[in-house]
Amino acid sequence: MTPETVQVWLDAYIEAWRSYDTDAVADLFTEDAAYAYHPWDEPIRGRDAIVTSWLSDRDEPNSWSADYRPFVVSGNRAVAVGETRYADGKNFVNAWQLIFDRDARCSDFVEWYMTPPVDLELRTPLGASAPIDNSRGREGDRCP
């Protein structure tokens, strides 16, 4: 995986979330994927169960916006950071742990999220200006 291929996956994730299209959600994950909404949760296991979970608890159309980008990419693993902002004023700052297969489908997804203080002016999540790409070893390392 590269920062660019992870970004393509993140964009597809947000579009699948927005549309709740069954095939679009399913295309994001491997057949035996694990998906945890919180790091301490027992993950949902299997693509079909993940799709069912997504479709059972939908956000209202146009009630949110999201912006996610790769923060660290190393081989088939990535951490993405970003924000989800809801029209009702709720904001979530997230880090997603991701493991991908050879076809750029996610086999393991763990969400870590925080709710910032209401009066805090949000900046770029974790100060990320550019992803760190460890896919090429030390010579390819970039720091934000």
Protein backbone atom coordinates (compact mmCIF):
# COMPACT_ATOMS: atom_id res chain seq x y z
CA MET A 1 0.00 0.00 0.00
CA THR A 2 1.04 3.58 -0.59
CA PRO A 3 -0.41 6.80 0.81
CA GLU A 4 -2.20 7.24 -2.53
CA THR A 5 -3.83 3.78 -2.51
CA VAL A 6 -4.87 4.24 1.11
CA GLN A 7 -6.43 7.61 0.19
CA VAL A 8 -8.38 5.93 -2.63
CA TRP A 9 -9.70 3.41 -0.07
CA LEU A 10 -10.58 6.18 2.42
CA ASP A 11 -12.46 8.11 -0.26
CA ALA A 12 -14.38 4.94 -1.19
CA TYR A 13 -15.15 4.36 2.51
CA ILE A 14 -16.63 7.84 2.88
CA GLU A 15 -18.66 7.44 -0.31
CA ALA A 16 -19.96 4.03 0.84
CA TRP A 17 -20.89 5.60 4.18
CA ARG A 18 -22.69 8.43 2.42
CA SER A 19 -24.60 6.15 0.02
CA TYR A 20 -25.08 3.04 2.19
CA ASP A 21 -24.81 1.09 -1.04
CA THR A 22 -24.50 -2.57 -0.06
CA ASP A 23 -21.99 -3.42 -2.80
CA ALA A 24 -19.88 -0.32 -2.12
CA VAL A 25 -19.63 -1.20 1.58
CA ALA A 26 -18.85 -4.85 0.81
CA ASP A 27 -16.14 -3.91 -1.71
CA LEU A 28 -14.15 -2.22 1.05
CA PHE A 29 -13.55 -5.40 3.06
CA THR A 30 -12.20 -8.90 2.70
CA GLU A 31 -14.54 -11.87 3.12
CA ASP A 32 -13.14 -12.58 6.62
CA ALA A 33 -12.54 -8.98 7.72
CA ALA A 34 -12.71 -7.88 11.36
CA TYR A 35 -14.23 -4.45 12.19
CA ALA A 36 -14.15 -2.85 15.64
CA TYR A 37 -15.97 0.41 16.33
CA HIS A 38 -13.82 0.77 19.47
CA PRO A 39 -10.46 -0.82 20.30
CA TRP A 40 -11.91 -2.63 23.31
CA ASP A 41 -14.88 -4.12 21.41
CA GLU A 42 -15.04 -7.66 20.19
CA PRO A 43 -14.82 -7.04 16.44
CA ILE A 44 -17.59 -7.78 14.01
CA ARG A 45 -16.31 -10.66 11.89
CA GLY A 46 -16.95 -11.22 8.21
CA ARG A 47 -17.86 -8.96 5.31
CA ASP A 48 -21.57 -9.78 5.42
CA ALA A 49 -21.78 -9.01 9.16
CA ILE A 50 -19.95 -5.70 8.62
CA VAL A 51 -22.35 -4.72 5.84
CA THR A 52 -25.33 -5.64 8.03
CA SER A 53 -23.92 -3.56 10.89
CA TRP A 54 -23.37 -0.53 8.65
CA LEU A 55 -26.86 -0.72 7.17
CA SER A 56 -28.57 -1.18 10.54
CA ASP A 57 -27.43 2.15 12.00
CA ARG A 58 -27.49 4.83 9.31
CA ASP A 59 -26.72 8.50 9.64
CA GLU A 60 -29.30 10.81 8.10
CA PRO A 61 -28.40 12.03 4.59
CA ASN A 62 -26.46 15.30 4.57
CA SER A 63 -26.19 15.27 8.38
CA TRP A 64 -22.40 14.94 8.44
CA SER A 65 -19.16 15.63 6.65
CA ALA A 66 -15.92 13.69 6.90
CA ASP A 67 -12.31 14.19 5.93
CA TYR A 68 -9.76 11.39 6.36
CA ARG A 69 -6.21 10.93 5.16
CA PRO A 70 -3.40 8.45 5.65
CA PHE A 71 -1.05 9.36 8.48
CA VAL A 72 1.32 6.37 8.43
CA VAL A 73 1.59 3.68 5.75
CA SER A 74 3.93 0.71 6.21
CA GLY A 75 3.56 -2.27 3.91
CA ASN A 76 -0.04 -3.48 4.14
CA ARG A 77 -0.75 -1.50 7.33
CA ALA A 78 -1.92 2.07 7.70
CA VAL A 79 -3.19 4.54 10.23
CA ALA A 80 -5.60 7.13 8.92
CA VAL A 81 -6.63 10.27 10.77
CA GLY A 82 -9.49 12.64 10.28
CA GLU A 83 -12.67 14.25 11.49
CA THR A 84 -16.37 13.62 11.21
CA ARG A 85 -18.58 16.65 11.86
CA TYR A 86 -22.31 16.34 12.35
CA ALA A 87 -24.90 19.04 11.65
CA ASP A 88 -26.04 18.84 15.29
CA GLY A 89 -22.61 20.08 16.40
CA LYS A 90 -21.04 16.76 17.38
CA ASN A 91 -17.48 16.34 16.16
CA PHE A 92 -15.27 13.28 16.31
CA VAL A 93 -11.54 13.17 15.74
CA ASN A 94 -10.52 9.68 14.71
CA ALA A 95 -7.60 7.41 14.09
CA TRP A 96 -8.28 4.22 12.16
CA GLN A 97 -5.93 1.23 12.27
CA LEU A 98 -6.12 -0.57 8.94
CA ILE A 99 -4.66 -3.78 7.51
CA PHE A 100 -5.13 -4.51 3.81
CA ASP A 101 -4.89 -7.55 1.55
CA ARG A 102 -3.20 -7.62 -1.88
CA ASP A 103 -6.35 -6.27 -3.53
CA ALA A 104 -6.44 -3.17 -1.27
CA ARG A 105 -9.42 -4.50 0.68
CA CYS A 106 -9.37 -3.99 4.42
CA SER A 107 -9.00 -7.17 6.48
CA ASP A 108 -8.78 -5.47 9.88
CA PHE A 109 -10.32 -2.14 10.93
CA VAL A 110 -10.11 -0.61 14.41
CA GLU A 111 -11.55 2.82 15.13
CA TRP A 112 -10.16 5.08 17.88
CA TYR A 113 -12.14 8.28 18.33
CA MET A 114 -12.23 11.30 20.58
CA THR A 115 -14.69 14.10 21.05
CA PRO A 116 -12.87 17.43 21.36
CA PRO A 117 -13.95 20.11 23.83
CA VAL A 118 -16.77 22.15 22.31
CA ASP A 119 -14.82 25.42 22.35
CA LEU A 120 -11.67 23.97 20.77
CA GLU A 121 -10.81 25.20 17.30
CA LEU A 122 -9.92 21.99 15.46
CA ARG A 123 -6.71 21.97 13.50
CA THR A 124 -5.53 19.39 11.01
CA PRO A 125 -5.83 16.07 12.88
CA LEU A 126 -2.64 15.28 14.75
CA GLY A 127 -0.93 18.08 12.87
CA ALA A 128 -0.68 15.88 9.77
CA SER A 129 0.32 17.79 6.69
CA ALA A 130 1.61 14.81 4.70
CA PRO A 131 1.43 11.06 5.28
CA ILE A 132 4.43 9.12 6.46
CA ASP A 133 5.25 6.48 3.86
CA ASN A 134 7.34 3.64 5.23
CA SER A 135 6.63 1.36 2.29
CA ARG A 136 10.10 2.06 0.89
CA GLY A 137 12.03 1.78 4.13
CA ARG A 138 14.03 4.49 5.84
CA GLU A 139 14.87 6.36 2.64
CA GLY A 140 11.15 6.92 1.97
CA ASP A 141 10.30 8.17 5.45
CA ARG A 142 8.65 11.56 5.55
CA CYS A 143 7.70 13.43 8.66
CA PRO A 144 4.78 15.81 8.74
